[in-house]
C-alpha atoms as a PDB file:
ATOM      1  CA  MET A   1      -0.324  -0.119   0.042  1.00  0.00           C
ATOM      2  CA  ASN A   2       1.195   3.499  -1.221  1.00  0.00           C
ATOM      3  CA  THR A   3       1.329   6.155   1.844  1.00  0.00           C
ATOM      4  CA  LYS A   4       2.946   8.543   0.108  1.00  0.00           C
ATOM      5  CA  ASN A   5       1.558  11.868   0.315  1.00  0.00           C
ATOM      6  CA  PRO A   6      -0.047  12.428  -2.996  1.00  0.00           C
ATOM      7  CA  MET A   7       0.438  16.108  -2.537  1.00  0.00           C
ATOM      8  CA  ASP A   8       4.150  15.978  -1.445  1.00  0.00           C
ATOM      9  CA  THR A   9       6.549  16.119  -4.664  1.00  0.00           C
ATOM     10  CA  GLY A  10       9.354  15.021  -2.839  1.00  0.00           C
ATOM     11  CA  ASN A  11      11.250  18.153  -3.356  1.00  0.00           C
ATOM     12  CA  SER A  12      13.320  19.111  -0.949  1.00  0.00           C
ATOM     13  CA  LEU A  13      12.832  22.744  -0.439  1.00  0.00           C
ATOM     14  CA  ASP A  14      15.433  23.133   2.447  1.00  0.00           C
ATOM     15  CA  THR A  15      18.375  25.502   0.947  1.00  0.00           C
ATOM     16  CA  GLY A  16      20.475  25.737   4.072  1.00  0.00           C
ATOM     17  CA  SER A  17      19.255  29.653   4.060  1.00  0.00           C
ATOM     18  CA  PRO A  18      19.179  31.176   7.379  1.00  0.00           C
ATOM     19  CA  THR A  19      16.093  30.125   9.441  1.00  0.00           C
ATOM     20  CA  ILE A  20      13.309  32.431   9.758  1.00  0.00           C
ATOM     21  CA  GLN A  21      12.070  32.458  13.377  1.00  0.00           C
ATOM     22  CA  ASN A  22       8.717  32.084  14.900  1.00  0.00           C
ATOM     23  CA  GLY A  23       7.666  33.317  18.092  1.00  0.00           C
ATOM     24  CA  ALA A  24       9.294  36.396  19.050  1.00  0.00           C
ATOM     25  CA  GLU A  25       6.836  38.316  16.193  1.00  0.00           C
ATOM     26  CA  ASP A  26       3.961  36.176  16.879  1.00  0.00           C
ATOM     27  CA  HIS A  27       1.069  38.599  17.250  1.00  0.00           C
ATOM     28  CA  SER A  28      -1.515  35.958  16.760  1.00  0.00           C
ATOM     29  CA  SER A  29      -3.857  34.810  19.227  1.00  0.00           C
ATOM     30  CA  GLU A  30      -3.303  31.521  21.677  1.00  0.00           C
ATOM     31  CA  ARG A  31      -3.378  28.346  20.297  1.00  0.00           C
ATOM     32  CA  LYS A  32      -6.605  26.370  21.178  1.00  0.00           C
ATOM     33  CA  THR A  33      -6.612  23.288  22.648  1.00  0.00           C
ATOM     34  CA  GLY A  34      -6.430  20.468  19.873  1.00  0.00           C
ATOM     35  CA  GLU A  35      -6.201  23.147  17.493  1.00  0.00           C
ATOM     36  CA  ARG A  36      -3.717  22.162  14.357  1.00  0.00           C
ATOM     37  CA  ILE A  37      -2.344  25.050  12.321  1.00  0.00           C
ATOM     38  CA  VAL A  38      -2.065  24.710   8.882  1.00  0.00           C
ATOM     39  CA  ALA A  39       0.237  27.258   7.338  1.00  0.00           C
ATOM     40  CA  PHE A  40       0.325  28.255   3.160  1.00  0.00           C
ATOM     41  CA  ILE A  41       3.516  29.577   2.584  1.00  0.00           C
ATOM     42  CA  CYS A  42       4.785  31.539  -0.569  1.00  0.00           C
ATOM     43  CA  THR A  43       7.275  33.896  -1.305  1.00  0.00           C
ATOM     44  CA  HIS A  44       4.869  37.030  -1.157  1.00  0.00           C
ATOM     45  CA  ASN A  45       2.194  36.198   0.382  1.00  0.00           C
ATOM     46  CA  ALA A  46       0.076  37.974  -1.896  1.00  0.00           C
ATOM     47  CA  CYS A  47      -1.694  35.635  -4.259  1.00  0.00           C
ATOM     48  CA  ARG A  48      -1.438  31.685  -4.028  1.00  0.00           C
ATOM     49  CA  SER A  49      -1.333  31.322  -0.397  1.00  0.00           C
ATOM     50  CA  GLN A  50      -3.743  34.481   0.280  1.00  0.00           C
ATOM     51  CA  ILE A  51      -5.927  32.192  -2.029  1.00  0.00           C
ATOM     52  CA  ALA A  52      -5.173  28.957  -0.044  1.00  0.00           C
ATOM     53  CA  GLN A  53      -6.175  30.554   3.123  1.00  0.00           C
ATOM     54  CA  ALA A  54      -9.240  32.224   2.428  1.00  0.00           C
ATOM     55  CA  ILE A  55     -10.632  29.055   0.597  1.00  0.00           C
ATOM     56  CA  ALA A  56      -9.813  26.614   3.524  1.00  0.00           C
ATOM     57  CA  GLU A  57     -11.483  29.388   5.793  1.00  0.00           C
ATOM     58  CA  HIS A  58     -14.584  29.237   3.701  1.00  0.00           C
ATOM     59  CA  TYR A  59     -14.760  25.459   4.012  1.00  0.00           C
ATOM     60  CA  GLN A  60     -14.526  25.466   7.586  1.00  0.00           C
ATOM     61  CA  ALA A  61     -17.075  27.734   7.898  1.00  0.00           C
ATOM     62  CA  SER A  62     -19.315  24.983   6.769  1.00  0.00           C
ATOM     63  CA  ASP A  63     -17.785  21.734   6.855  1.00  0.00           C
ATOM     64  CA  ARG A  64     -17.037  20.086  10.673  1.00  0.00           C
ATOM     65  CA  ARG A  65     -13.986  17.938   8.649  1.00  0.00           C
ATOM     66  CA  TYR A  66     -12.285  21.147   8.988  1.00  0.00           C
ATOM     67  CA  ALA A  67     -12.672  22.209  12.727  1.00  0.00           C
ATOM     68  CA  GLU A  68      -9.426  20.884  13.970  1.00  0.00           C
ATOM     69  CA  PHE A  69      -7.717  23.302  11.906  1.00  0.00           C
ATOM     70  CA  ARG A  70      -6.759  27.008  11.826  1.00  0.00           C
ATOM     71  CA  PHE A  71      -5.472  28.391   8.772  1.00  0.00           C
ATOM     72  CA  ALA A  72      -2.692  30.898   7.904  1.00  0.00           C
ATOM     73  CA  SER A  73      -0.680  31.986   5.362  1.00  0.00           C
ATOM     74  CA  ALA A  74       2.533  34.072   5.329  1.00  0.00           C
ATOM     75  CA  GLY A  75       5.372  34.742   3.012  1.00  0.00           C
ATOM     76  CA  THR A  76       9.027  35.194   3.659  1.00  0.00           C
ATOM     77  CA  ASP A  77       9.953  38.348   1.593  1.00  0.00           C
ATOM     78  CA  ILE A  78       5.975  39.953   1.638  1.00  0.00           C
ATOM     79  CA  ALA A  79       4.236  42.003  -1.060  1.00  0.00           C
ATOM     80  CA  ASP A  80       2.926  45.292   0.387  1.00  0.00           C
ATOM     81  CA  SER A  81      -0.985  44.053   0.031  1.00  0.00           C
ATOM     82  CA  ILE A  82      -2.886  40.727  -1.713  1.00  0.00           C
ATOM     83  CA  ASN A  83      -2.524  40.688  -5.280  1.00  0.00           C
ATOM     84  CA  PRO A  84      -5.807  42.698  -6.622  1.00  0.00           C
ATOM     85  CA  ASP A  85      -6.650  40.213  -9.537  1.00  0.00           C
ATOM     86  CA  ALA A  86      -6.771  37.485  -7.351  1.00  0.00           C
ATOM     87  CA  VAL A  87      -8.758  39.390  -4.754  1.00  0.00           C
ATOM     88  CA  ARG A  88     -11.194  40.438  -7.715  1.00  0.00           C
ATOM     89  CA  VAL A  89     -11.271  36.877  -9.449  1.00  0.00           C
ATOM     90  CA  LEU A  90     -11.827  34.862  -5.846  1.00  0.00           C
ATOM     91  CA  ARG A  91     -14.758  37.376  -5.387  1.00  0.00           C
ATOM     92  CA  ASP A  92     -16.396  37.225  -8.243  1.00  0.00           C
ATOM     93  CA  SER A  93     -15.891  33.633  -9.320  1.00  0.00           C
ATOM     94  CA  ARG A  94     -16.316  32.042  -5.682  1.00  0.00           C
ATOM     95  CA  GLY A  95     -18.100  34.775  -3.823  1.00  0.00           C
ATOM     96  CA  ILE A  96     -14.762  34.925  -0.898  1.00  0.00           C
ATOM     97  CA  ASP A  97     -13.448  38.639  -0.446  1.00  0.00           C
ATOM     98  CA  MET A  98      -9.961  37.962   0.835  1.00  0.00           C
ATOM     99  CA  VAL A  99      -9.944  41.570   2.096  1.00  0.00           C
ATOM    100  CA  ALA A 100     -13.104  42.172   3.773  1.00  0.00           C
ATOM    101  CA  ARG A 101     -11.795  39.133   5.667  1.00  0.00           C
ATOM    102  CA  GLY A 102      -9.075  40.567   6.973  1.00  0.00           C
ATOM    103  CA  GLN A 103      -6.442  39.158   4.900  1.00  0.00           C
ATOM    104  CA  SER A 104      -3.099  40.983   4.190  1.00  0.00           C
ATOM    105  CA  PRO A 105       0.734  39.881   3.462  1.00  0.00           C
ATOM    106  CA  LYS A 106       2.165  38.430   6.860  1.00  0.00           C
ATOM    107  CA  THR A 107       5.900  37.026   7.554  1.00  0.00           C
ATOM    108  CA  ILE A 108       6.420  33.776   9.053  1.00  0.00           C
ATOM    109  CA  GLY A 109       7.209  35.265  12.182  1.00  0.00           C
ATOM    110  CA  GLN A 110       3.609  36.890  12.385  1.00  0.00           C
ATOM    111  CA  ILE A 111       1.734  33.753  12.234  1.00  0.00           C
ATOM    112  CA  PRO A 112       1.641  30.760  14.867  1.00  0.00           C
ATOM    113  CA  ALA A 113       4.037  27.723  14.510  1.00  0.00           C
ATOM    114  CA  PRO A 114       2.063  25.629  11.914  1.00  0.00           C
ATOM    115  CA  ASP A 115       1.709  21.982  12.410  1.00  0.00           C
ATOM    116  CA  VAL A 116       1.516  21.644   8.734  1.00  0.00           C
ATOM    117  CA  ALA A 117       3.471  23.540   6.365  1.00  0.00           C
ATOM    118  CA  ILE A 118       2.783  23.637   2.879  1.00  0.00           C
ATOM    119  CA  SER A 119       4.514  25.390   0.156  1.00  0.00           C
ATOM    120  CA  MET A 120       2.381  26.600  -2.642  1.00  0.00           C
ATOM    121  CA  GLY A 121       5.528  26.060  -5.397  1.00  0.00           C
ATOM    122  CA  CYS A 122       7.347  29.254  -5.674  1.00  0.00           C
ATOM    123  CA  GLY A 123       9.321  28.357  -8.753  1.00  0.00           C
ATOM    124  CA  VAL A 124      12.447  29.157  -6.895  1.00  0.00           C
ATOM    125  CA  ARG A 125      14.058  26.989  -3.953  1.00  0.00           C
ATOM    126  CA  CYS A 126      12.190  27.647  -0.856  1.00  0.00           C
ATOM    127  CA  PRO A 127      14.069  29.022   2.522  1.00  0.00           C
ATOM    128  CA  PHE A 128      14.255  26.690   5.612  1.00  0.00           C
ATOM    129  CA  ILE A 129      11.531  28.340   7.614  1.00  0.00           C
ATOM    130  CA  GLY A 130      12.404  26.638  10.819  1.00  0.00           C
ATOM    131  CA  ARG A 131      10.807  23.188  10.167  1.00  0.00           C
ATOM    132  CA  PRO A 132      10.454  20.994   7.221  1.00  0.00           C
ATOM    133  CA  PHE A 133       7.643  21.678   4.610  1.00  0.00           C
ATOM    134  CA  ASP A 134       4.790  18.716   4.519  1.00  0.00           C
ATOM    135  CA  ALA A 135       4.188  19.123   0.833  1.00  0.00           C
ATOM    136  CA  ASP A 136       4.737  21.332  -2.056  1.00  0.00           C
ATOM    137  CA  TRP A 137       1.786  22.278  -4.301  1.00  0.00           C
ATOM    138  CA  GLU A 138       4.125  23.248  -7.394  1.00  0.00           C
ATOM    139  CA  LEU A 139       1.271  25.992  -8.381  1.00  0.00           C
ATOM    140  CA  ASP A 140       1.858  28.090 -11.227  1.00  0.00           C
ATOM    141  CA  ASP A 141       2.008  31.937 -10.005  1.00  0.00           C
ATOM    142  CA  PRO A 142      -0.771  33.457 -12.094  1.00  0.00           C
ATOM    143  CA  THR A 143       0.255  37.101 -11.218  1.00  0.00           C
ATOM    144  CA  GLY A 144       0.173  39.210 -14.674  1.00  0.00           C
ATOM    145  CA  GLY A 145      -1.666  36.402 -16.449  1.00  0.00           C
ATOM    146  CA  THR A 146      -5.262  36.386 -17.330  1.00  0.00           C
ATOM    147  CA  GLU A 147      -8.350  35.960 -15.447  1.00  0.00           C
ATOM    148  CA  GLU A 148      -8.320  32.520 -16.880  1.00  0.00           C
ATOM    149  CA  ASP A 149      -4.712  31.767 -15.293  1.00  0.00           C
ATOM    150  CA  PHE A 150      -6.564  32.997 -11.750  1.00  0.00           C
ATOM    151  CA  LEU A 151      -9.468  30.456 -12.297  1.00  0.00           C
ATOM    152  CA  ARG A 152      -7.327  27.451 -12.972  1.00  0.00           C
ATOM    153  CA  CYS A 153      -5.094  28.450 -10.035  1.00  0.00           C
ATOM    154  CA  ILE A 154      -7.986  29.081  -7.736  1.00  0.00           C
ATOM    155  CA  GLU A 155      -9.508  25.476  -9.144  1.00  0.00           C
ATOM    156  CA  ARG A 156      -6.299  23.686  -8.676  1.00  0.00           C
ATOM    157  CA  ILE A 157      -6.266  24.823  -5.004  1.00  0.00           C
ATOM    158  CA  ASP A 158      -9.953  24.414  -4.116  1.00  0.00           C
ATOM    159  CA  SER A 159      -9.160  20.596  -4.946  1.00  0.00           C
ATOM    160  CA  LEU A 160      -5.992  20.327  -2.581  1.00  0.00           C
ATOM    161  CA  VAL A 161      -7.673  22.134   0.086  1.00  0.00           C
ATOM    162  CA  GLN A 162     -10.266  19.375   0.050  1.00  0.00           C
ATOM    163  CA  HIS A 163      -7.657  16.795   1.206  1.00  0.00           C
ATOM    164  CA  ILE A 164      -6.710  18.550   4.035  1.00  0.00           C
ATOM    165  CA  PRO A 165      -8.833  16.772   6.516  1.00  0.00           C
ATOM    166  CA  GLU A 166      -8.256  13.223   5.401  1.00  0.00           C
ATOM    167  CA  LEU A 167      -4.102  14.022   4.965  1.00  0.00           C
ATOM    168  CA  TYR A 168      -3.532  16.023   8.156  1.00  0.00           C
ATOM    169  CA  GLY A 169      -6.297  15.593  10.497  1.00  0.00           C
ATOM    170  CA  ARG A 170      -6.104  13.487  13.379  1.00  0.00           C
ATOM    171  CA  PRO A 171      -7.717   9.974  12.811  1.00  0.00           C
ATOM    172  CA  SER A 172     -11.631  10.078  14.373  1.00  0.00           C
ATOM    173  CA  ALA A 173     -12.265   7.522  16.917  1.00  0.00           C
ATOM    174  CA  GLN A 174     -14.244   4.723  15.605  1.00  0.00           C
END
Protein backbone atom coordinates (compact mmCIF):
# COMPACT_ATOMS: atom_id res chain seq x y z
CA MET A 1 0.00 0.00 0.00
CA ASN A 2 1.41 3.36 -1.02
CA THR A 3 1.13 5.83 1.87
CA LYS A 4 2.98 8.67 0.17
CA ASN A 5 1.21 12.00 0.43
CA PRO A 6 -0.14 12.67 -3.09
CA MET A 7 0.45 16.39 -2.63
CA ASP A 8 4.12 15.95 -1.67
CA THR A 9 6.32 16.00 -4.73
CA GLY A 10 9.34 14.85 -2.77
CA ASN A 11 11.28 17.98 -3.68
CA SER A 12 13.52 19.20 -0.92
CA LEU A 13 12.81 22.81 -0.12
CA ASP A 14 15.55 23.31 2.46
CA THR A 15 18.23 25.45 0.89
CA GLY A 16 20.35 25.79 3.97
CA SER A 17 19.36 29.45 4.06
CA PRO A 18 19.08 31.13 7.43
CA THR A 19 16.11 30.03 9.46
CA ILE A 20 13.20 32.44 9.69
CA GLN A 21 12.38 32.48 13.36
CA ASN A 22 8.86 32.01 14.61
CA GLY A 23 7.77 33.28 17.98
CA ALA A 24 9.11 36.69 18.96
CA GLU A 25 6.98 38.48 16.37
CA ASP A 26 3.97 36.20 16.77
CA HIS A 27 1.02 38.59 17.12
CA SER A 28 -1.67 35.91 16.80
CA SER A 29 -3.99 34.69 19.48
CA GLU A 30 -3.20 31.66 21.60
CA ARG A 31 -3.55 28.22 20.11
CA LYS A 32 -6.74 26.45 21.16
CA THR A 33 -6.50 22.97 22.68
CA GLY A 34 -6.33 20.34 19.95
CA GLU A 35 -6.04 22.92 17.18
CA ARG A 36 -3.79 22.09 14.23
CA ILE A 37 -2.27 25.08 12.44
CA VAL A 38 -1.94 24.72 8.68
CA ALA A 39 0.23 27.39 7.06
CA PHE A 40 0.27 28.13 3.35
CA ILE A 41 3.71 29.58 2.57
CA CYS A 42 4.84 31.46 -0.50
CA THR A 43 7.43 34.10 -1.16
CA HIS A 44 5.30 37.26 -1.19
CA ASN A 45 2.11 36.05 0.55
CA ALA A 46 0.14 38.05 -2.00
CA CYS A 47 -1.68 35.55 -4.20
CA ARG A 48 -1.65 31.73 -4.01
CA SER A 49 -1.10 31.40 -0.26
CA GLN A 50 -3.79 34.00 0.42
CA ILE A 51 -6.23 32.20 -1.90
CA ALA A 52 -5.49 28.90 -0.13
CA GLN A 53 -6.16 30.42 3.29
CA ALA A 54 -9.42 32.01 2.11
CA ILE A 55 -10.72 28.81 0.50
CA ALA A 56 -9.76 26.68 3.52
CA GLU A 57 -11.50 29.08 5.91
CA HIS A 58 -14.52 29.15 3.60
CA TYR A 59 -14.81 25.35 3.88
CA GLN A 60 -14.22 25.56 7.61
CA ALA A 61 -17.34 27.70 8.04
CA SER A 62 -19.61 24.90 6.78
CA ASP A 63 -17.73 21.59 6.96
CA ARG A 64 -16.98 20.07 10.37
CA ARG A 65 -14.05 18.07 8.91
CA TYR A 66 -12.12 21.36 9.03
CA ALA A 67 -13.03 22.17 12.65
CA GLU A 68 -9.72 21.04 14.19
CA PHE A 69 -7.68 23.31 11.93
CA ARG A 70 -6.67 26.93 11.98
CA PHE A 71 -5.43 28.28 8.68
CA ALA A 72 -2.82 30.93 8.10
CA SER A 73 -0.73 32.17 5.22
CA ALA A 74 2.65 33.83 5.26
CA GLY A 75 5.59 34.77 3.11
CA THR A 76 9.29 35.19 3.40
CA ASP A 77 9.61 38.51 1.54
CA ILE A 78 6.08 39.89 1.68
CA ALA A 79 4.31 42.21 -0.71
CA ASP A 80 2.60 45.42 0.37
CA SER A 81 -0.87 44.05 -0.36
CA ILE A 82 -2.76 41.07 -1.72
CA ASN A 83 -2.73 40.85 -5.50
CA PRO A 84 -5.83 42.85 -6.62
CA ASP A 85 -6.53 40.41 -9.46
CA ALA A 86 -6.54 37.50 -7.00
CA VAL A 87 -8.93 39.44 -4.75
CA ARG A 88 -11.24 40.29 -7.65
CA VAL A 89 -11.30 36.87 -9.31
CA LEU A 90 -11.81 34.93 -6.05
CA ARG A 91 -14.58 37.35 -5.02
CA ASP A 92 -16.30 37.26 -8.42
CA SER A 93 -15.97 33.50 -8.99
CA ARG A 94 -16.52 32.16 -5.45
CA GLY A 95 -18.00 35.02 -3.44
CA ILE A 96 -14.97 34.96 -1.11
CA ASP A 97 -13.58 38.42 -0.37
CA MET A 98 -10.09 38.15 1.12
CA VAL A 99 -9.89 41.85 1.98
CA ALA A 100 -13.29 41.90 3.71
CA ARG A 101 -12.13 38.83 5.68
CA GLY A 102 -9.22 40.89 7.02
CA GLN A 103 -6.46 39.01 5.21
CA SER A 104 -3.19 40.81 4.56
CA PRO A 105 0.39 39.79 3.74
CA LYS A 106 2.32 38.47 6.77
CA THR A 107 5.76 37.09 7.47
CA ILE A 108 6.41 33.67 8.96
CA GLY A 109 7.08 35.29 12.34
CA GLN A 110 3.59 36.81 12.41
CA ILE A 111 1.73 33.51 12.42
CA PRO A 112 1.71 30.67 14.97
CA ALA A 113 4.24 27.89 14.47
CA PRO A 114 2.53 25.53 12.02
CA ASP A 115 1.79 21.86 12.52
CA VAL A 116 1.50 21.57 8.74
CA ALA A 117 3.49 23.77 6.35
CA ILE A 118 2.57 23.78 2.68
CA SER A 119 4.64 25.54 0.03
CA MET A 120 2.72 26.98 -2.88
CA GLY A 121 5.55 26.19 -5.28
CA CYS A 122 7.37 29.43 -5.66
CA GLY A 123 9.31 28.33 -8.71
CA VAL A 124 12.41 29.01 -6.66
CA ARG A 125 13.97 27.11 -3.80
CA CYS A 126 12.10 28.11 -0.68
CA PRO A 127 14.09 29.13 2.38
CA PHE A 128 14.14 27.00 5.50
CA ILE A 129 11.31 28.22 7.74
CA GLY A 130 12.36 26.46 10.92
CA ARG A 131 10.81 23.12 9.98
CA PRO A 132 10.43 20.99 6.86
CA PHE A 133 7.53 21.53 4.50
CA ASP A 134 4.86 18.83 4.52
CA ALA A 135 3.98 19.37 0.86
CA ASP A 136 4.83 21.50 -2.13
CA TRP A 137 1.75 22.18 -4.22
CA GLU A 138 3.86 23.40 -7.18
CA LEU A 139 1.24 25.92 -8.29
CA ASP A 140 1.91 28.19 -11.23
CA ASP A 141 1.81 31.83 -10.17
CA PRO A 142 -1.03 33.54 -12.07
CA THR A 143 0.30 37.02 -11.28
CA GLY A 144 0.44 39.03 -14.49
CA GLY A 145 -1.65 36.43 -16.27
CA THR A 146 -5.18 36.30 -17.57
CA GLU A 147 -8.38 35.82 -15.61
CA GLU A 148 -8.37 32.21 -16.86
CA ASP A 149 -4.91 31.74 -15.28
CA PHE A 150 -6.32 32.91 -11.95
CA LEU A 151 -9.39 30.68 -12.30
CA ARG A 152 -7.21 27.62 -13.04
CA CYS A 153 -5.06 28.40 -10.00
CA ILE A 154 -8.13 28.84 -7.77
CA GLU A 155 -9.60 25.55 -9.04
CA ARG A 156 -6.34 23.69 -8.34
CA ILE A 157 -6.01 25.21 -4.86
CA ASP A 158 -9.63 24.27 -4.12
CA SER A 159 -9.02 20.65 -5.12
CA LEU A 160 -5.92 20.45 -2.91
CA VAL A 161 -7.58 22.15 0.09
CA GLN A 162 -10.33 19.52 -0.06
CA HIS A 163 -7.75 16.84 0.89
CA ILE A 164 -6.46 18.61 4.01
CA PRO A 165 -8.78 16.89 6.52
CA GLU A 166 -7.94 13.38 5.29
CA LEU A 167 -4.21 14.02 4.97
CA TYR A 168 -3.51 16.13 8.06
CA GLY A 169 -6.44 15.61 10.40
CA ARG A 170 -6.44 13.39 13.41
CA PRO A 171 -8.06 9.99 12.90
CA SER A 172 -11.61 9.98 14.21
CA ALA A 173 -12.56 7.48 16.90
CA GLN A 174 -14.41 4.50 15.48
